[in-house]
Amino acid sequence: MRYNWSPQNFQFIINFPTDVRDAAPRFVQPLENTTAIEGNAGRFECEVAALSEPLITWYKDKVPLTIGIKYKMIYDDRKYTLVINDTNIDDNGKYTVRAVNSYGSDECSAELEVECKLSLPLYP
C-alpha cells in the first residue's frame, strides 16, 4: 500500500482559543472569606483556569507575601492554596491572589478573621 501526500488528503488541526480572554487566567473557584482560631492555621483555596500556567502571587492588605514558615503555598493541578500558620490577630485582613500569564491576569480577594482563643481561669 502506498500513500500519496497531497494538500487534499492532509489535515493539520490546531485548536486555538477563539478569544484571548479564554487564554488569560480566570478564577473558576474564587477565594472565600474564612475564620481561624488564634494559634491554628488559616487557609484560602482557589482554582484557576488558563491556557498556560499562570504565575501566582499572594497579598495581604496589598502587600506581597513571602512564602516561608508563616505562609505556605500549595499547588495541585489548577488548585492553589495559601496556608497561614500560627495565626494571630495581626493576620486579620484582606488576602488577594493574583494570577498572571502572557495572555492577561485576574485576581480575587477574601477576608481572614482570627478569633481569640478563650482561656478559662484556673481556680485552686
PDB file of N, CA and C in Angstrom:
ATOM      1  N   MET A   1       0.854  -1.179   0.000  1.00  0.00           N
ATOM      2  CA  MET A   1       0.000   0.000   0.000  1.00  0.00           C
ATOM      3  C   MET A   1       0.891   1.231   0.000  1.00  0.00           C
ATOM      4  N   ARG A   2       0.605   2.126  -0.849  1.00  0.00           N
ATOM      5  CA  ARG A   2       1.380   3.350  -0.974  1.00  0.00           C
ATOM      6  C   ARG A   2       0.482   4.542  -0.691  1.00  0.00           C
ATOM      7  N   TYR A   3       1.036   5.502   0.042  1.00  0.00           N
ATOM      8  CA  TYR A   3       0.272   6.677   0.395  1.00  0.00           C
ATOM      9  C   TYR A   3       0.866   7.877  -0.315  1.00  0.00           C
ATOM     10  N   ASN A   4       0.050   8.577  -1.041  1.00  0.00           N
ATOM     11  CA  ASN A   4       0.484   9.785  -1.744  1.00  0.00           C
ATOM     12  C   ASN A   4      -0.008  11.006  -0.974  1.00  0.00           C
ATOM     13  N   TRP A   5       0.942  11.854  -0.584  1.00  0.00           N
ATOM     14  CA  TRP A   5       0.578  13.064   0.131  1.00  0.00           C
ATOM     15  C   TRP A   5       0.125  14.132  -0.845  1.00  0.00           C
ATOM     16  N   SER A   6      -0.954  14.788  -0.457  1.00  0.00           N
ATOM     17  CA  SER A   6      -1.405  15.950  -1.209  1.00  0.00           C
ATOM     18  C   SER A   6      -2.146  16.866  -0.245  1.00  0.00           C
ATOM     19  N   PRO A   7      -2.255  18.124  -0.562  1.00  0.00           N
ATOM     20  CA  PRO A   7      -2.971  19.040   0.336  1.00  0.00           C
ATOM     21  C   PRO A   7      -4.419  18.620   0.554  1.00  0.00           C
ATOM     22  N   GLN A   8      -5.020  17.895  -0.354  1.00  0.00           N
ATOM     23  CA  GLN A   8      -6.409  17.496  -0.206  1.00  0.00           C
ATOM     24  C   GLN A   8      -6.587  16.388   0.839  1.00  0.00           C
ATOM     25  N   ASN A   9      -5.583  15.550   1.044  1.00  0.00           N
ATOM     26  CA  ASN A   9      -5.769  14.450   1.994  1.00  0.00           C
ATOM     27  C   ASN A   9      -4.927  14.632   3.269  1.00  0.00           C
ATOM     28  N   PHE A  10      -4.500  15.849   3.538  1.00  0.00           N
ATOM     29  CA  PHE A  10      -3.718  16.127   4.725  1.00  0.00           C
ATOM     30  C   PHE A  10      -4.451  17.159   5.571  1.00  0.00           C
ATOM     31  N   GLN A  11      -4.609  16.846   6.835  1.00  0.00           N
ATOM     32  CA  GLN A  11      -5.230  17.791   7.761  1.00  0.00           C
ATOM     33  C   GLN A  11      -4.298  18.017   8.931  1.00  0.00           C
ATOM     34  N   PHE A  12      -4.151  19.250   9.324  1.00  0.00           N
ATOM     35  CA  PHE A  12      -3.384  19.611  10.495  1.00  0.00           C
ATOM     36  C   PHE A  12      -4.282  20.520  11.309  1.00  0.00           C
ATOM     37  N   ILE A  13      -4.685  20.049  12.467  1.00  0.00           N
ATOM     38  CA  ILE A  13      -5.658  20.796  13.265  1.00  0.00           C
ATOM     39  C   ILE A  13      -4.974  21.330  14.509  1.00  0.00           C
ATOM     40  N   ILE A  14      -5.105  22.618  14.718  1.00  0.00           N
ATOM     41  CA  ILE A  14      -4.636  23.265  15.933  1.00  0.00           C
ATOM     42  C   ILE A  14      -5.829  23.993  16.532  1.00  0.00           C
ATOM     43  N   ASN A  15      -6.077  23.710  17.786  1.00  0.00           N
ATOM     44  CA  ASN A  15      -7.167  24.397  18.469  1.00  0.00           C
ATOM     45  C   ASN A  15      -6.612  25.586  19.238  1.00  0.00           C
ATOM     46  N   PHE A  16      -6.947  26.760  18.771  1.00  0.00           N
ATOM     47  CA  PHE A  16      -6.588  27.973  19.466  1.00  0.00           C
ATOM     48  C   PHE A  16      -7.842  28.514  20.126  1.00  0.00           C
ATOM     49  N   PRO A  17      -7.686  29.191  21.256  1.00  0.00           N
ATOM     50  CA  PRO A  17      -8.866  29.818  21.847  1.00  0.00           C
ATOM     51  C   PRO A  17      -9.470  30.804  20.849  1.00  0.00           C
ATOM     52  N   THR A  18     -10.769  30.873  20.846  1.00  0.00           N
ATOM     53  CA  THR A  18     -11.430  31.802  19.936  1.00  0.00           C
ATOM     54  C   THR A  18     -11.293  33.236  20.419  1.00  0.00           C
ATOM     55  N   ASP A  19     -10.937  33.397  21.670  1.00  0.00           N
ATOM     56  CA  ASP A  19     -10.834  34.723  22.252  1.00  0.00           C
ATOM     57  C   ASP A  19      -9.676  34.701  23.242  1.00  0.00           C
ATOM     58  N   VAL A  20      -8.871  35.752  23.245  1.00  0.00           N
ATOM     59  CA  VAL A  20      -7.741  35.820  24.173  1.00  0.00           C
ATOM     60  C   VAL A  20      -8.228  35.740  25.614  1.00  0.00           C
ATOM     61  N   ARG A  21      -9.437  36.214  25.863  1.00  0.00           N
ATOM     62  CA  ARG A  21      -9.974  36.148  27.221  1.00  0.00           C
ATOM     63  C   ARG A  21     -10.088  34.713  27.700  1.00  0.00           C
ATOM     64  N   ASP A  22     -10.229  33.751  26.783  1.00  0.00           N
ATOM     65  CA  ASP A  22     -10.277  32.341  27.166  1.00  0.00           C
ATOM     66  C   ASP A  22      -8.901  31.821  27.566  1.00  0.00           C
ATOM     67  N   ALA A  23      -7.836  32.473  27.130  1.00  0.00           N
ATOM     68  CA  ALA A  23      -6.474  32.033  27.416  1.00  0.00           C
ATOM     69  C   ALA A  23      -5.933  32.665  28.692  1.00  0.00           C
ATOM     70  N   ALA A  24      -6.432  33.843  29.031  1.00  0.00           N
ATOM     71  CA  ALA A  24      -5.984  34.533  30.237  1.00  0.00           C
ATOM     72  C   ALA A  24      -6.492  33.786  31.473  1.00  0.00           C
ATOM     73  N   PRO A  25      -5.791  33.900  32.609  1.00  0.00           N
ATOM     74  CA  PRO A  25      -6.258  33.241  33.836  1.00  0.00           C
ATOM     75  C   PRO A  25      -7.618  33.765  34.254  1.00  0.00           C
ATOM     76  N   ARG A  26      -8.417  32.868  34.788  1.00  0.00           N
ATOM     77  CA  ARG A  26      -9.696  33.264  35.387  1.00  0.00           C
ATOM     78  C   ARG A  26      -9.980  32.317  36.545  1.00  0.00           C
ATOM     79  N   PHE A  27     -10.614  32.837  37.573  1.00  0.00           N
ATOM     80  CA  PHE A  27     -10.891  32.054  38.769  1.00  0.00           C
ATOM     81  C   PHE A  27     -12.214  31.304  38.591  1.00  0.00           C
ATOM     82  N   VAL A  28     -12.127  29.993  38.493  1.00  0.00           N
ATOM     83  CA  VAL A  28     -13.335  29.178  38.398  1.00  0.00           C
ATOM     84  C   VAL A  28     -13.830  28.824  39.796  1.00  0.00           C
ATOM     85  N   GLN A  29     -12.955  28.916  40.784  1.00  0.00           N
ATOM     86  CA  GLN A  29     -13.337  28.809  42.193  1.00  0.00           C
ATOM     87  C   GLN A  29     -12.596  29.929  42.922  1.00  0.00           C
ATOM     88  N   PRO A  30     -13.289  31.038  43.207  1.00  0.00           N
ATOM     89  CA  PRO A  30     -12.613  32.167  43.856  1.00  0.00           C
ATOM     90  C   PRO A  30     -12.387  31.916  45.347  1.00  0.00           C
ATOM     91  N   LEU A  31     -11.591  32.784  45.949  1.00  0.00           N
ATOM     92  CA  LEU A  31     -11.375  32.727  47.396  1.00  0.00           C
ATOM     93  C   LEU A  31     -12.683  33.000  48.120  1.00  0.00           C
ATOM     94  N   GLU A  32     -12.804  32.449  49.324  1.00  0.00           N
ATOM     95  CA  GLU A  32     -13.965  32.716  50.174  1.00  0.00           C
ATOM     96  C   GLU A  32     -13.483  33.214  51.525  1.00  0.00           C
ATOM     97  N   ASN A  33     -14.279  34.095  52.142  1.00  0.00           N
ATOM     98  CA  ASN A  33     -13.949  34.564  53.483  1.00  0.00           C
ATOM     99  C   ASN A  33     -13.819  33.360  54.409  1.00  0.00           C
ATOM    100  N   THR A  34     -12.876  33.464  55.366  1.00  0.00           N
ATOM    101  CA  THR A  34     -12.654  32.340  56.267  1.00  0.00           C
ATOM    102  C   THR A  34     -12.312  32.840  57.662  1.00  0.00           C
ATOM    103  N   THR A  35     -12.427  31.940  58.621  1.00  0.00           N
ATOM    104  CA  THR A  35     -12.138  32.230  60.022  1.00  0.00           C
ATOM    105  C   THR A  35     -11.138  31.212  60.529  1.00  0.00           C
ATOM    106  N   ALA A  36     -10.234  31.660  61.388  1.00  0.00           N
ATOM    107  CA  ALA A  36      -9.274  30.752  62.024  1.00  0.00           C
ATOM    108  C   ALA A  36      -9.252  31.057  63.519  1.00  0.00           C
ATOM    109  N   ILE A  37      -9.008  30.035  64.314  1.00  0.00           N
ATOM    110  CA  ILE A  37      -8.829  30.211  65.753  1.00  0.00           C
ATOM    111  C   ILE A  37      -7.365  30.584  66.003  1.00  0.00           C
ATOM    112  N   GLU A  38      -7.141  31.593  66.833  1.00  0.00           N
ATOM    113  CA  GLU A  38      -5.791  32.054  67.123  1.00  0.00           C
ATOM    114  C   GLU A  38      -4.873  30.885  67.493  1.00  0.00           C
ATOM    115  N   GLY A  39      -3.710  30.842  66.854  1.00  0.00           N
ATOM    116  CA  GLY A  39      -2.750  29.771  67.103  1.00  0.00           C
ATOM    117  C   GLY A  39      -2.861  28.624  66.117  1.00  0.00           C
ATOM    118  N   ASN A  40      -4.001  28.528  65.448  1.00  0.00           N
ATOM    119  CA  ASN A  40      -4.196  27.492  64.422  1.00  0.00           C
ATOM    120  C   ASN A  40      -3.914  28.079  63.038  1.00  0.00           C
ATOM    121  N   ALA A  41      -3.968  27.234  62.040  1.00  0.00           N
ATOM    122  CA  ALA A  41      -3.715  27.673  60.662  1.00  0.00           C
ATOM    123  C   ALA A  41      -4.992  28.208  60.016  1.00  0.00           C
ATOM    124  N   GLY A  42      -4.832  29.247  59.210  1.00  0.00           N
ATOM    125  CA  GLY A  42      -5.893  29.733  58.340  1.00  0.00           C
ATOM    126  C   GLY A  42      -5.586  29.268  56.935  1.00  0.00           C
ATOM    127  N   ARG A  43      -6.611  29.178  56.088  1.00  0.00           N
ATOM    128  CA  ARG A  43      -6.418  28.586  54.769  1.00  0.00           C
ATOM    129  C   ARG A  43      -7.345  29.241  53.746  1.00  0.00           C
ATOM    130  N   PHE A  44      -6.756  29.595  52.589  1.00  0.00           N
ATOM    131  CA  PHE A  44      -7.523  30.079  51.446  1.00  0.00           C
ATOM    132  C   PHE A  44      -7.267  29.144  50.274  1.00  0.00           C
ATOM    133  N   GLU A  45      -8.322  28.814  49.527  1.00  0.00           N
ATOM    134  CA  GLU A  45      -8.198  27.943  48.357  1.00  0.00           C
ATOM    135  C   GLU A  45      -8.895  28.579  47.167  1.00  0.00           C
ATOM    136  N   CYS A  46      -8.315  28.350  45.980  1.00  0.00           N
ATOM    137  CA  CYS A  46      -8.946  28.816  44.753  1.00  0.00           C
ATOM    138  C   CYS A  46      -8.544  27.884  43.618  1.00  0.00           C
ATOM    139  N   GLU A  47      -9.263  28.006  42.508  1.00  0.00           N
ATOM    140  CA  GLU A  47      -8.942  27.225  41.316  1.00  0.00           C
ATOM    141  C   GLU A  47      -8.883  28.174  40.128  1.00  0.00           C
ATOM    142  N   VAL A  48      -7.815  28.030  39.329  1.00  0.00           N
ATOM    143  CA  VAL A  48      -7.569  28.934  38.212  1.00  0.00           C
ATOM    144  C   VAL A  48      -7.550  28.148  36.904  1.00  0.00           C
ATOM    145  N   ALA A  49      -8.275  28.640  35.908  1.00  0.00           N
ATOM    146  CA  ALA A  49      -8.228  28.073  34.564  1.00  0.00           C
ATOM    147  C   ALA A  49      -7.445  29.040  33.685  1.00  0.00           C
ATOM    148  N   ALA A  50      -6.534  28.485  32.868  1.00  0.00           N
ATOM    149  CA  ALA A  50      -5.734  29.321  31.968  1.00  0.00           C
ATOM    150  C   ALA A  50      -5.131  28.440  30.890  1.00  0.00           C
ATOM    151  N   LEU A  51      -4.866  29.030  29.722  1.00  0.00           N
ATOM    152  CA  LEU A  51      -4.255  28.275  28.633  1.00  0.00           C
ATOM    153  C   LEU A  51      -2.837  27.861  28.993  1.00  0.00           C
ATOM    154  N   SER A  52      -2.056  28.775  29.576  1.00  0.00           N
ATOM    155  CA  SER A  52      -0.717  28.443  30.050  1.00  0.00           C
ATOM    156  C   SER A  52      -0.668  28.687  31.553  1.00  0.00           C
ATOM    157  N   GLU A  53       0.188  27.936  32.227  1.00  0.00           N
ATOM    158  CA  GLU A  53       0.257  28.016  33.687  1.00  0.00           C
ATOM    159  C   GLU A  53       0.554  29.441  34.141  1.00  0.00           C
ATOM    160  N   PRO A  54      -0.276  29.962  35.056  1.00  0.00           N
ATOM    161  CA  PRO A  54      -0.067  31.339  35.499  1.00  0.00           C
ATOM    162  C   PRO A  54       0.958  31.431  36.628  1.00  0.00           C
ATOM    163  N   LEU A  55       1.523  32.613  36.767  1.00  0.00           N
ATOM    164  CA  LEU A  55       2.345  32.953  37.915  1.00  0.00           C
ATOM    165  C   LEU A  55       1.380  33.421  38.997  1.00  0.00           C
ATOM    166  N   ILE A  56       1.485  32.822  40.184  1.00  0.00           N
ATOM    167  CA  ILE A  56       0.566  33.137  41.275  1.00  0.00           C
ATOM    168  C   ILE A  56       1.303  33.954  42.329  1.00  0.00           C
ATOM    169  N   THR A  57       0.687  35.067  42.745  1.00  0.00           N
ATOM    170  CA  THR A  57       1.228  35.901  43.813  1.00  0.00           C
ATOM    171  C   THR A  57       0.129  36.157  44.831  1.00  0.00           C
ATOM    172  N   TRP A  58       0.484  36.027  46.104  1.00  0.00           N
ATOM    173  CA  TRP A  58      -0.455  36.251  47.208  1.00  0.00           C
ATOM    174  C   TRP A  58      -0.117  37.567  47.902  1.00  0.00           C
ATOM    175  N   TYR A  59      -1.167  38.265  48.369  1.00  0.00           N
ATOM    176  CA  TYR A  59      -1.014  39.541  49.055  1.00  0.00           C
ATOM    177  C   TYR A  59      -1.872  39.559  50.321  1.00  0.00           C
ATOM    178  N   LYS A  60      -1.395  40.302  51.310  1.00  0.00           N
ATOM    179  CA  LYS A  60      -2.227  40.625  52.478  1.00  0.00           C
ATOM    180  C   LYS A  60      -2.288  42.138  52.544  1.00  0.00           C
ATOM    181  N   ASP A  61      -3.489  42.674  52.494  1.00  0.00           N
ATOM    182  CA  ASP A  61      -3.691  44.126  52.507  1.00  0.00           C
ATOM    183  C   ASP A  61      -2.776  44.822  51.499  1.00  0.00           C
ATOM    184  N   LYS A  62      -2.721  44.279  50.286  1.00  0.00           N
ATOM    185  CA  LYS A  62      -1.987  44.803  49.130  1.00  0.00           C
ATOM    186  C   LYS A  62      -0.468  44.671  49.225  1.00  0.00           C
ATOM    187  N   VAL A  63       0.036  43.987  50.242  1.00  0.00           N
ATOM    188  CA  VAL A  63       1.481  43.778  50.395  1.00  0.00           C
ATOM    189  C   VAL A  63       1.800  42.337  49.991  1.00  0.00           C
ATOM    190  N   PRO A  64       2.753  42.121  49.056  1.00  0.00           N
ATOM    191  CA  PRO A  64       3.078  40.746  48.645  1.00  0.00           C
ATOM    192  C   PRO A  64       3.577  39.918  49.825  1.00  0.00           C
ATOM    193  N   LEU A  65       3.145  38.666  49.881  1.00  0.00           N
ATOM    194  CA  LEU A  65       3.559  37.761  50.952  1.00  0.00           C
ATOM    195  C   LEU A  65       4.823  37.015  50.548  1.00  0.00           C
ATOM    196  N   THR A  66       5.678  36.783  51.528  1.00  0.00           N
ATOM    197  CA  THR A  66       6.878  35.987  51.317  1.00  0.00           C
ATOM    198  C   THR A  66       6.582  34.573  51.804  1.00  0.00           C
ATOM    199  N   ILE A  67       6.728  33.614  50.914  1.00  0.00           N
ATOM    200  CA  ILE A  67       6.466  32.227  51.270  1.00  0.00           C
ATOM    201  C   ILE A  67       7.593  31.747  52.181  1.00  0.00           C
ATOM    202  N   GLY A  68       7.236  31.124  53.294  1.00  0.00           N
ATOM    203  CA  GLY A  68       8.212  30.643  54.267  1.00  0.00           C
ATOM    204  C   GLY A  68       7.507  29.907  55.385  1.00  0.00           C
ATOM    205  N   ILE A  69       7.981  30.091  56.615  1.00  0.00           N
ATOM    206  CA  ILE A  69       7.404  29.387  57.763  1.00  0.00           C
ATOM    207  C   ILE A  69       5.984  29.880  58.040  1.00  0.00           C
ATOM    208  N   LYS A  70       5.766  31.178  57.961  1.00  0.00           N
ATOM    209  CA  LYS A  70       4.446  31.753  58.258  1.00  0.00           C
ATOM    210  C   LYS A  70       3.446  31.465  57.149  1.00  0.00           C
ATOM    211  N   TYR A  71       3.863  31.643  55.909  1.00  0.00           N
ATOM    212  CA  TYR A  71       2.971  31.473  54.763  1.00  0.00           C
ATOM    213  C   TYR A  71       3.476  30.333  53.882  1.00  0.00           C
ATOM    214  N   LYS A  72       2.596  29.417  53.576  1.00  0.00           N
ATOM    215  CA  LYS A  72       2.945  28.278  52.736  1.00  0.00           C
ATOM    216  C   LYS A  72       1.963  28.220  51.563  1.00  0.00           C
ATOM    217  N   MET A  73       2.484  28.047  50.353  1.00  0.00           N
ATOM    218  CA  MET A  73       1.637  27.924  49.174  1.00  0.00           C
ATOM    219  C   MET A  73       1.679  26.488  48.683  1.00  0.00           C
ATOM    220  N   ILE A  74       0.495  25.945  48.393  1.00  0.00           N
ATOM    221  CA  ILE A  74       0.374  24.582  47.883  1.00  0.00           C
ATOM    222  C   ILE A  74      -0.260  24.667  46.500  1.00  0.00           C
ATOM    223  N   TYR A  75       0.312  23.917  45.560  1.00  0.00           N
ATOM    224  CA  TYR A  75      -0.200  23.887  44.195  1.00  0.00           C
ATOM    225  C   TYR A  75      -0.532  22.445  43.841  1.00  0.00           C
ATOM    226  N   ASP A  76      -1.749  22.216  43.360  1.00  0.00           N
ATOM    227  CA  ASP A  76      -2.166  20.881  42.938  1.00  0.00           C
ATOM    228  C   ASP A  76      -3.048  21.029  41.701  1.00  0.00           C
ATOM    229  N   ASP A  77      -2.455  20.754  40.548  1.00  0.00           N
ATOM    230  CA  ASP A  77      -3.137  20.891  39.262  1.00  0.00           C
ATOM    231  C   ASP A  77      -3.532  22.357  39.073  1.00  0.00           C
ATOM    232  N   ARG A  78      -4.818  22.665  39.091  1.00  0.00           N
ATOM    233  CA  ARG A  78      -5.268  24.052  38.907  1.00  0.00           C
ATOM    234  C   ARG A  78      -5.677  24.686  40.234  1.00  0.00           C
ATOM    235  N   LYS A  79      -5.479  23.971  41.342  1.00  0.00           N
ATOM    236  CA  LYS A  79      -5.886  24.477  42.657  1.00  0.00           C
ATOM    237  C   LYS A  79      -4.691  25.061  43.387  1.00  0.00           C
ATOM    238  N   TYR A  80      -4.901  26.246  43.938  1.00  0.00           N
ATOM    239  CA  TYR A  80      -3.869  26.955  44.673  1.00  0.00           C
ATOM    240  C   TYR A  80      -4.374  27.210  46.086  1.00  0.00           C
ATOM    241  N   THR A  81      -3.518  26.950  47.075  1.00  0.00           N
ATOM    242  CA  THR A  81      -3.884  27.110  48.472  1.00  0.00           C
ATOM    243  C   THR A  81      -2.823  27.930  49.183  1.00  0.00           C
ATOM    244  N   LEU A  82      -3.274  28.869  50.003  1.00  0.00           N
ATOM    245  CA  LEU A  82      -2.390  29.607  50.895  1.00  0.00           C
ATOM    246  C   LEU A  82      -2.719  29.173  52.311  1.00  0.00           C
ATOM    247  N   VAL A  83      -1.694  28.728  53.047  1.00  0.00           N
ATOM    248  CA  VAL A  83      -1.850  28.356  54.448  1.00  0.00           C
ATOM    249  C   VAL A  83      -1.115  29.403  55.276  1.00  0.00           C
ATOM    250  N   ILE A  84      -1.821  29.965  56.261  1.00  0.00           N
ATOM    251  CA  ILE A  84      -1.240  30.940  57.180  1.00  0.00           C
ATOM    252  C   ILE A  84      -1.065  30.217  58.507  1.00  0.00           C
ATOM    253  N   ASN A  85       0.172  29.919  58.861  1.00  0.00           N
ATOM    254  CA  ASN A  85       0.450  29.146  60.076  1.00  0.00           C
ATOM    255  C   ASN A  85       0.426  30.017  61.322  1.00  0.00           C
ATOM    256  N   ASP A  86       0.060  29.397  62.443  1.00  0.00           N
ATOM    257  CA  ASP A  86       0.114  30.033  63.765  1.00  0.00           C
ATOM    258  C   ASP A  86      -0.525  31.423  63.734  1.00  0.00           C
ATOM    259  N   THR A  87      -1.794  31.477  63.360  1.00  0.00           N
ATOM    260  CA  THR A  87      -2.477  32.766  63.194  1.00  0.00           C
ATOM    261  C   THR A  87      -2.579  33.538  64.503  1.00  0.00           C
ATOM    262  N   ASN A  88      -2.585  34.859  64.367  1.00  0.00           N
ATOM    263  CA  ASN A  88      -2.835  35.756  65.494  1.00  0.00           C
ATOM    264  C   ASN A  88      -3.632  36.943  64.970  1.00  0.00           C
ATOM    265  N   ILE A  89      -3.966  37.844  65.855  1.00  0.00           N
ATOM    266  CA  ILE A  89      -4.818  38.982  65.493  1.00  0.00           C
ATOM    267  C   ILE A  89      -4.220  39.801  64.345  1.00  0.00           C
ATOM    268  N   ASP A  90      -2.889  39.872  64.261  1.00  0.00           N
ATOM    269  CA  ASP A  90      -2.240  40.628  63.179  1.00  0.00           C
ATOM    270  C   ASP A  90      -2.515  40.034  61.798  1.00  0.00           C
ATOM    271  N   ASP A  91      -2.981  38.789  61.744  1.00  0.00           N
ATOM    272  CA  ASP A  91      -3.268  38.140  60.461  1.00  0.00           C
ATOM    273  C   ASP A  91      -4.652  38.486  59.920  1.00  0.00           C
ATOM    274  N   ASN A  92      -5.488  39.172  60.736  1.00  0.00           N
ATOM    275  CA  ASN A  92      -6.781  39.639  60.230  1.00  0.00           C
ATOM    276  C   ASN A  92      -6.539  40.541  59.029  1.00  0.00           C
ATOM    277  N   GLY A  93      -7.383  40.420  58.004  1.00  0.00           N
ATOM    278  CA  GLY A  93      -7.255  41.330  56.881  1.00  0.00           C
ATOM    279  C   GLY A  93      -7.737  40.750  55.579  1.00  0.00           C
ATOM    280  N   LYS A  94      -7.459  41.495  54.525  1.00  0.00           N
ATOM    281  CA  LYS A  94      -7.882  41.127  53.174  1.00  0.00           C
ATOM    282  C   LYS A  94      -6.719  40.433  52.462  1.00  0.00           C
ATOM    283  N   TYR A  95      -6.962  39.220  51.990  1.00  0.00           N
ATOM    284  CA  TYR A  95      -5.966  38.443  51.248  1.00  0.00           C
ATOM    285  C   TYR A  95      -6.389  38.400  49.786  1.00  0.00           C
ATOM    286  N   THR A  96      -5.417  38.595  48.914  1.00  0.00           N
ATOM    287  CA  THR A  96      -5.668  38.623  47.479  1.00  0.00           C
ATOM    288  C   THR A  96      -4.726  37.655  46.796  1.00  0.00           C
ATOM    289  N   VAL A  97      -5.241  36.954  45.794  1.00  0.00           N
ATOM    290  CA  VAL A  97      -4.396  36.112  44.953  1.00  0.00           C
ATOM    291  C   VAL A  97      -4.499  36.663  43.535  1.00  0.00           C
ATOM    292  N   ARG A  98      -3.342  36.771  42.888  1.00  0.00           N
ATOM    293  CA  ARG A  98      -3.278  37.304  41.517  1.00  0.00           C
ATOM    294  C   ARG A  98      -2.638  36.250  40.631  1.00  0.00           C
ATOM    295  N   ALA A  99      -3.289  35.967  39.504  1.00  0.00           N
ATOM    296  CA  ALA A  99      -2.791  35.005  38.520  1.00  0.00           C
ATOM    297  C   ALA A  99      -2.472  35.753  37.239  1.00  0.00           C
ATOM    298  N   VAL A 100      -1.248  35.543  36.716  1.00  0.00           N
ATOM    299  CA  VAL A 100      -0.791  36.261  35.519  1.00  0.00           C
ATOM    300  C   VAL A 100      -0.150  35.275  34.553  1.00  0.00           C
ATOM    301  N   ASN A 101      -0.516  35.371  33.272  1.00  0.00           N
ATOM    302  CA  ASN A 101       0.229  34.679  32.214  1.00  0.00           C
ATOM    303  C   ASN A 101       0.373  35.643  31.042  1.00  0.00           C
ATOM    304  N   SER A 102       0.932  35.175  29.940  1.00  0.00           N
ATOM    305  CA  SER A 102       1.201  36.077  28.815  1.00  0.00           C
ATOM    306  C   SER A 102      -0.074  36.587  28.137  1.00  0.00           C
ATOM    307  N   TYR A 103      -1.235  36.022  28.478  1.00  0.00           N
ATOM    308  CA  TYR A 103      -2.494  36.439  27.867  1.00  0.00           C
ATOM    309  C   TYR A 103      -3.275  37.438  28.711  1.00  0.00           C
ATOM    310  N   GLY A 104      -2.890  37.582  29.992  1.00  0.00           N
ATOM    311  CA  GLY A 104      -3.617  38.505  30.849  1.00  0.00           C
ATOM    312  C   GLY A 104      -3.487  38.151  32.311  1.00  0.00           C
ATOM    313  N   SER A 105      -4.408  38.670  33.108  1.00  0.00           N
ATOM    314  CA  SER A 105      -4.363  38.437  34.548  1.00  0.00           C
ATOM    315  C   SER A 105      -5.758  38.500  35.143  1.00  0.00           C
ATOM    316  N   ASP A 106      -5.852  37.975  36.359  1.00  0.00           N
ATOM    317  CA  ASP A 106      -7.093  38.036  37.119  1.00  0.00           C
ATOM    318  C   ASP A 106      -6.710  37.994  38.588  1.00  0.00           C
ATOM    319  N   GLU A 107      -7.587  38.484  39.439  1.00  0.00           N
ATOM    320  CA  GLU A 107      -7.347  38.403  40.868  1.00  0.00           C
ATOM    321  C   GLU A 107      -8.655  38.322  41.612  1.00  0.00           C
ATOM    322  N   CYS A 108      -8.581  37.790  42.813  1.00  0.00           N
ATOM    323  CA  CYS A 108      -9.746  37.762  43.684  1.00  0.00           C
ATOM    324  C   CYS A 108      -9.266  37.901  45.122  1.00  0.00           C
ATOM    325  N   SER A 109     -10.180  38.308  46.005  1.00  0.00           N
ATOM    326  CA  SER A 109      -9.823  38.596  47.393  1.00  0.00           C
ATOM    327  C   SER A 109     -10.858  38.031  48.343  1.00  0.00           C
ATOM    328  N   ALA A 110     -10.433  37.844  49.591  1.00  0.00           N
ATOM    329  CA  ALA A 110     -11.323  37.402  50.657  1.00  0.00           C
ATOM    330  C   ALA A 110     -10.728  37.843  51.988  1.00  0.00           C
ATOM    331  N   GLU A 111     -11.537  37.826  53.010  1.00  0.00           N
ATOM    332  CA  GLU A 111     -11.122  38.270  54.339  1.00  0.00           C
ATOM    333  C   GLU A 111     -10.815  37.075  55.238  1.00  0.00           C
ATOM    334  N   LEU A 112      -9.781  37.255  56.083  1.00  0.00           N
ATOM    335  CA  LEU A 112      -9.491  36.303  57.149  1.00  0.00           C
ATOM    336  C   LEU A 112      -9.809  36.984  58.467  1.00  0.00           C
ATOM    337  N   GLU A 113     -10.587  36.300  59.293  1.00  0.00           N
ATOM    338  CA  GLU A 113     -10.881  36.773  60.642  1.00  0.00           C
ATOM    339  C   GLU A 113     -10.297  35.765  61.620  1.00  0.00           C
ATOM    340  N   VAL A 114      -9.416  36.235  62.490  1.00  0.00           N
ATOM    341  CA  VAL A 114      -8.812  35.374  63.504  1.00  0.00           C
ATOM    342  C   VAL A 114      -9.554  35.601  64.808  1.00  0.00           C
ATOM    343  N   GLU A 115     -10.094  34.513  65.352  1.00  0.00           N
ATOM    344  CA  GLU A 115     -10.826  34.584  66.613  1.00  0.00           C
ATOM    345  C   GLU A 115      -9.887  34.235  67.759  1.00  0.00           C
ATOM    346  N   CYS A 116      -9.986  35.002  68.839  1.00  0.00           N
ATOM    347  CA  CYS A 116      -9.138  34.755  70.015  1.00  0.00           C
ATOM    348  C   CYS A 116      -9.536  33.444  70.682  1.00  0.00           C
ATOM    349  N   LYS A 117      -8.523  32.761  71.202  1.00  0.00           N
ATOM    350  CA  LYS A 117      -8.791  31.560  71.995  1.00  0.00           C
ATOM    351  C   LYS A 117      -9.425  32.012  73.301  1.00  0.00           C
ATOM    352  N   LEU A 118     -10.357  31.230  73.769  1.00  0.00           N
ATOM    353  CA  LEU A 118     -10.939  31.513  75.069  1.00  0.00           C
ATOM    354  C   LEU A 118     -10.105  30.816  76.118  1.00  0.00           C
ATOM    355  N   SER A 119      -9.637  31.568  77.078  1.00  0.00           N
ATOM    356  CA  SER A 119      -8.869  30.981  78.173  1.00  0.00           C
ATOM    357  C   SER A 119      -9.730  30.999  79.409  1.00  0.00           C
ATOM    358  N   LEU A 120      -9.942  29.847  79.971  1.00  0.00           N
ATOM    359  CA  LEU A 120     -10.717  29.762  81.196  1.00  0.00           C
ATOM    360  C   LEU A 120      -9.761  29.895  82.372  1.00  0.00           C
ATOM    361  N   PRO A 121     -10.137  30.709  83.345  1.00  0.00           N
ATOM    362  CA  PRO A 121      -9.257  30.872  84.515  1.00  0.00           C
ATOM    363  C   PRO A 121      -9.180  29.566  85.301  1.00  0.00           C
ATOM    364  N   LEU A 122      -8.017  29.307  85.849  1.00  0.00           N
ATOM    365  CA  LEU A 122      -7.835  28.126  86.687  1.00  0.00           C
ATOM    366  C   LEU A 122      -8.039  28.515  88.124  1.00  0.00           C
ATOM    367  N   TYR A 123      -8.933  27.810  88.782  1.00  0.00           N
ATOM    368  CA  TYR A 123      -9.195  28.079  90.190  1.00  0.00           C
ATOM    369  C   TYR A 123      -8.607  26.955  91.030  1.00  0.00           C
ATOM    370  N   PRO A 124      -7.971  27.348  92.148  1.00  0.00           N
ATOM    371  CA  PRO A 124      -7.395  26.299  93.015  1.00  0.00           C
ATOM    372  C   PRO A 124      -8.447  25.472  93.711  1.00  0.00           C
TER     373      PRO A 124
END
